[in-house]
């Protein structure tokens, strides 16, 4: 006989995605996407200068308009990483590379 499901026996998609071990890679990919997507909101002043491209292995890749800005942002990369980590409540970015 088939098991009868009650309303309380079902789990939400959010609950399954956030708690099941099989979805750890998906959670990591979503977090990386969120970092890239939120970069302009965290740093609106950098919008005309730098664009977040991707995150791999806790490294944020930024495309920068020119070498002068690249040099300036390189001096501030620790502050940028700290602000992103604070926004996401944990160490999601270890370093930044400029393209």
C-alpha atoms as a PDB file:
ATOM      1  CA  UNK A   1       0.000   0.000   0.000  1.00  0.00           C
ATOM      2  CA  UNK A   2       1.314   3.448  -0.885  1.00  0.00           C
ATOM      3  CA  UNK A   3       2.362   5.800   1.873  1.00  0.00           C
ATOM      4  CA  UNK A   4      -0.129   8.536   2.407  1.00  0.00           C
ATOM      5  CA  UNK A   5       1.345  12.036   2.452  1.00  0.00           C
ATOM      6  CA  UNK A   6      -0.006  14.586   4.827  1.00  0.00           C
ATOM      7  CA  UNK A   7       0.372  18.294   4.433  1.00  0.00           C
ATOM      8  CA  UNK A   8       3.117  18.337   7.087  1.00  0.00           C
ATOM      9  CA  UNK A   9       5.166  15.539   5.516  1.00  0.00           C
ATOM     10  CA  UNK A  10       6.143  17.633   2.501  1.00  0.00           C
ATOM     11  CA  UNK A  11       9.163  19.926   2.624  1.00  0.00           C
ATOM     12  CA  UNK A  12       9.582  23.190   0.822  1.00  0.00           C
ATOM     13  CA  UNK A  13      12.013  23.473  -2.080  1.00  0.00           C
ATOM     14  CA  UNK A  14      13.952  26.051  -0.084  1.00  0.00           C
ATOM     15  CA  UNK A  15      14.261  23.612   2.816  1.00  0.00           C
ATOM     16  CA  UNK A  16      15.504  20.799   0.562  1.00  0.00           C
ATOM     17  CA  UNK A  17      17.984  22.974  -1.351  1.00  0.00           C
ATOM     18  CA  UNK A  18      19.430  24.549   1.783  1.00  0.00           C
ATOM     19  CA  UNK A  19      19.764  21.422   3.918  1.00  0.00           C
ATOM     20  CA  UNK A  20      20.446  18.418   1.708  1.00  0.00           C
ATOM     21  CA  UNK A  21      24.101  17.547   1.105  1.00  0.00           C
ATOM     22  CA  UNK A  22      23.454  16.677  -2.547  1.00  0.00           C
ATOM     23  CA  UNK A  23      22.850  20.351  -3.304  1.00  0.00           C
ATOM     24  CA  UNK A  24      26.070  21.789  -1.850  1.00  0.00           C
ATOM     25  CA  UNK A  25      27.496  22.593  -5.309  1.00  0.00           C
ATOM     26  CA  UNK A  26      24.261  24.280  -6.331  1.00  0.00           C
ATOM     27  CA  UNK A  27      24.260  26.362  -3.130  1.00  0.00           C
ATOM     28  CA  UNK A  28      27.855  27.426  -3.808  1.00  0.00           C
ATOM     29  CA  UNK A  29      27.043  28.390  -7.399  1.00  0.00           C
ATOM     30  CA  UNK A  30      24.032  30.412  -6.280  1.00  0.00           C
ATOM     31  CA  UNK A  31      26.096  32.207  -3.660  1.00  0.00           C
ATOM     32  CA  UNK A  32      28.745  33.064  -6.255  1.00  0.00           C
ATOM     33  CA  UNK A  33      26.075  34.321  -8.629  1.00  0.00           C
ATOM     34  CA  UNK A  34      24.606  36.473  -5.859  1.00  0.00           C
ATOM     35  CA  UNK A  35      27.998  38.059  -5.165  1.00  0.00           C
ATOM     36  CA  UNK A  36      28.416  39.024  -8.826  1.00  0.00           C
ATOM     37  CA  UNK A  37      24.812  40.200  -9.041  1.00  0.00           C
ATOM     38  CA  UNK A  38      24.978  42.274  -5.837  1.00  0.00           C
ATOM     39  CA  UNK A  39      28.359  43.897  -6.549  1.00  0.00           C
ATOM     40  CA  UNK A  40      26.828  47.011  -8.138  1.00  0.00           C
ATOM     41  CA  UNK A  41      24.412  47.378  -5.216  1.00  0.00           C
ATOM     42  CA  UNK A  42      27.204  47.107  -2.649  1.00  0.00           C
ATOM     43  CA  UNK A  43      29.508  49.458  -4.588  1.00  0.00           C
ATOM     44  CA  UNK A  44      27.341  51.797  -6.686  1.00  0.00           C
ATOM     45  CA  UNK A  45      30.249  54.258  -6.936  1.00  0.00           C
ATOM     46  CA  UNK A  46      32.298  51.635  -8.822  1.00  0.00           C
ATOM     47  CA  UNK A  47      29.649  50.932 -11.464  1.00  0.00           C
ATOM     48  CA  UNK A  48      31.304  53.040 -14.213  1.00  0.00           C
ATOM     49  CA  UNK A  49      34.778  51.739 -13.281  1.00  0.00           C
ATOM     50  CA  UNK A  50      34.574  48.034 -12.441  1.00  0.00           C
ATOM     51  CA  UNK A  51      32.309  45.122 -13.240  1.00  0.00           C
ATOM     52  CA  UNK A  52      32.145  41.842 -11.336  1.00  0.00           C
ATOM     53  CA  UNK A  53      32.642  38.990 -13.787  1.00  0.00           C
ATOM     54  CA  UNK A  54      32.678  35.798 -11.714  1.00  0.00           C
ATOM     55  CA  UNK A  55      33.662  34.160  -8.443  1.00  0.00           C
ATOM     56  CA  UNK A  56      35.774  31.008  -8.391  1.00  0.00           C
ATOM     57  CA  UNK A  57      37.237  29.394  -5.291  1.00  0.00           C
ATOM     58  CA  UNK A  58      36.497  32.525  -3.234  1.00  0.00           C
ATOM     59  CA  UNK A  59      38.302  34.762  -5.728  1.00  0.00           C
ATOM     60  CA  UNK A  60      36.310  37.647  -7.170  1.00  0.00           C
ATOM     61  CA  UNK A  61      37.252  38.590 -10.729  1.00  0.00           C
ATOM     62  CA  UNK A  62      36.668  42.229 -11.612  1.00  0.00           C
ATOM     63  CA  UNK A  63      36.906  43.755 -15.064  1.00  0.00           C
ATOM     64  CA  UNK A  64      38.344  47.257 -14.639  1.00  0.00           C
ATOM     65  CA  UNK A  65      38.118  50.083 -17.168  1.00  0.00           C
ATOM     66  CA  UNK A  66      41.801  51.072 -17.211  1.00  0.00           C
ATOM     67  CA  UNK A  67      45.161  50.420 -15.581  1.00  0.00           C
ATOM     68  CA  UNK A  68      45.001  53.503 -13.347  1.00  0.00           C
ATOM     69  CA  UNK A  69      41.760  52.313 -11.754  1.00  0.00           C
ATOM     70  CA  UNK A  70      43.111  48.772 -11.615  1.00  0.00           C
ATOM     71  CA  UNK A  71      46.054  50.027  -9.574  1.00  0.00           C
ATOM     72  CA  UNK A  72      43.815  52.094  -7.281  1.00  0.00           C
ATOM     73  CA  UNK A  73      41.402  49.212  -6.672  1.00  0.00           C
ATOM     74  CA  UNK A  74      44.300  46.837  -6.083  1.00  0.00           C
ATOM     75  CA  UNK A  75      45.323  49.017  -3.134  1.00  0.00           C
ATOM     76  CA  UNK A  76      41.754  48.783  -1.789  1.00  0.00           C
ATOM     77  CA  UNK A  77      41.053  45.137  -2.551  1.00  0.00           C
ATOM     78  CA  UNK A  78      41.144  44.079   1.108  1.00  0.00           C
ATOM     79  CA  UNK A  79      38.560  46.728   1.983  1.00  0.00           C
ATOM     80  CA  UNK A  80      36.376  45.647  -0.933  1.00  0.00           C
ATOM     81  CA  UNK A  81      36.596  41.982   0.110  1.00  0.00           C
ATOM     82  CA  UNK A  82      35.792  42.872   3.742  1.00  0.00           C
ATOM     83  CA  UNK A  83      32.719  44.837   2.719  1.00  0.00           C
ATOM     84  CA  UNK A  84      31.441  41.975   0.546  1.00  0.00           C
ATOM     85  CA  UNK A  85      32.097  39.435   3.308  1.00  0.00           C
ATOM     86  CA  UNK A  86      30.233  41.633   5.787  1.00  0.00           C
ATOM     87  CA  UNK A  87      27.295  41.938   3.383  1.00  0.00           C
ATOM     88  CA  UNK A  88      27.097  38.136   3.026  1.00  0.00           C
ATOM     89  CA  UNK A  89      27.735  37.374   6.742  1.00  0.00           C
ATOM     90  CA  UNK A  90      30.843  35.254   6.295  1.00  0.00           C
ATOM     91  CA  UNK A  91      34.020  34.830   4.309  1.00  0.00           C
ATOM     92  CA  UNK A  92      32.812  34.413   0.752  1.00  0.00           C
ATOM     93  CA  UNK A  93      35.711  36.324  -0.855  1.00  0.00           C
ATOM     94  CA  UNK A  94      39.365  35.752   0.054  1.00  0.00           C
ATOM     95  CA  UNK A  95      40.959  37.887  -2.630  1.00  0.00           C
ATOM     96  CA  UNK A  96      40.263  39.854  -5.793  1.00  0.00           C
ATOM     97  CA  UNK A  97      41.845  39.558  -9.218  1.00  0.00           C
ATOM     98  CA  UNK A  98      41.562  42.254 -11.833  1.00  0.00           C
ATOM     99  CA  UNK A  99      41.017  41.632 -15.520  1.00  0.00           C
END
